[in-house]
Amino acid sequence: AFNRMLGELRRVRELEAELGRQGKLASLGVLASGVAHEINNPLGVILGYASHMERKLPPEDPNRRFVEEIRRESLRCRRIVQDLLQYVRVPRPARQAVDLHALLDEILDFAAHHIELGRVEVVRRWSPDVPPLRLDPDQMRQVALNLVLNAGAAMGGEGTLTVSTAVGEGDVEIRFEDTGPGIPEEIRDRIFEPFFTTKPRGTGLGLPITRQIVERHGGAIRIENRDEGGARVVVRLPLDEGNG
């Protein structure tokens, strides 16, 4: 009885934390919409003039690199705004029956040509017991692609990425395991925070969006270091919601 009570208290705290997070997201969504409108308009003008100047300046002009930097950083600002809007507006999943392994194969085949996976060996280990799952295929493609490219970047474009699936008690587990340096202890608790990034040109919204999508599917995601080195990302998706 005591353990059951502790479990219920823990669940209440989790629900309170989730309600607080959703309330903050709603407020952030209103703010983000207004900010996006105010920022995108001048950004469009800056990009337009930068593109015009790029066309006018000859390749050997020493000023051309400044114009290219203006255009590059303006595009980065636009991407930050777009990612912020996506983070606060993750839609309800449009579920349909999905062959999870076919979806993962598609993403891995696509990502193989990306610079982040330049010399990365990809190992696939699919459990034959995984049934079709009711998922939003587009959202799950985004989750898988983000985690695969993150792993490739962490390994510096070389190493081994192992992607595997397994059926647990009431859920399906997808593991992304790399042979990179792992996650420093001092940042492990912050990796899902919006705008936290270790990449020079990252927006810090890729993993928060990934977690949002997984949780909208009733699942969970965690990141940990492997004993043998490297990092492991575990995505758990429920077998209920009409699955199995």
Foldseek 3Di string as FASTA:
>chain_A
DVVVVVVVVVVVVVVVVVVVVLVVLVVLLVVLVVVLVVLVVVLVVLLVVLVVVLVVDDPPDPCNVVSVVSNVVSVLVNVLSVLSNCLSCVDQWPWDFADVVVLLVVLVVVCCPPQLQQAEAEAEAEDPPFFTDTTRSVLVSLLNNLVVSVLSVQAVNYFYWYWYWDDDVFKIKIKTWTQGQFDDPVCQVPLLPQQDDPDPSDRSRSNVSSQVRLVSQVKGWHKDADPNHTIMIMIIGGCPVPHD
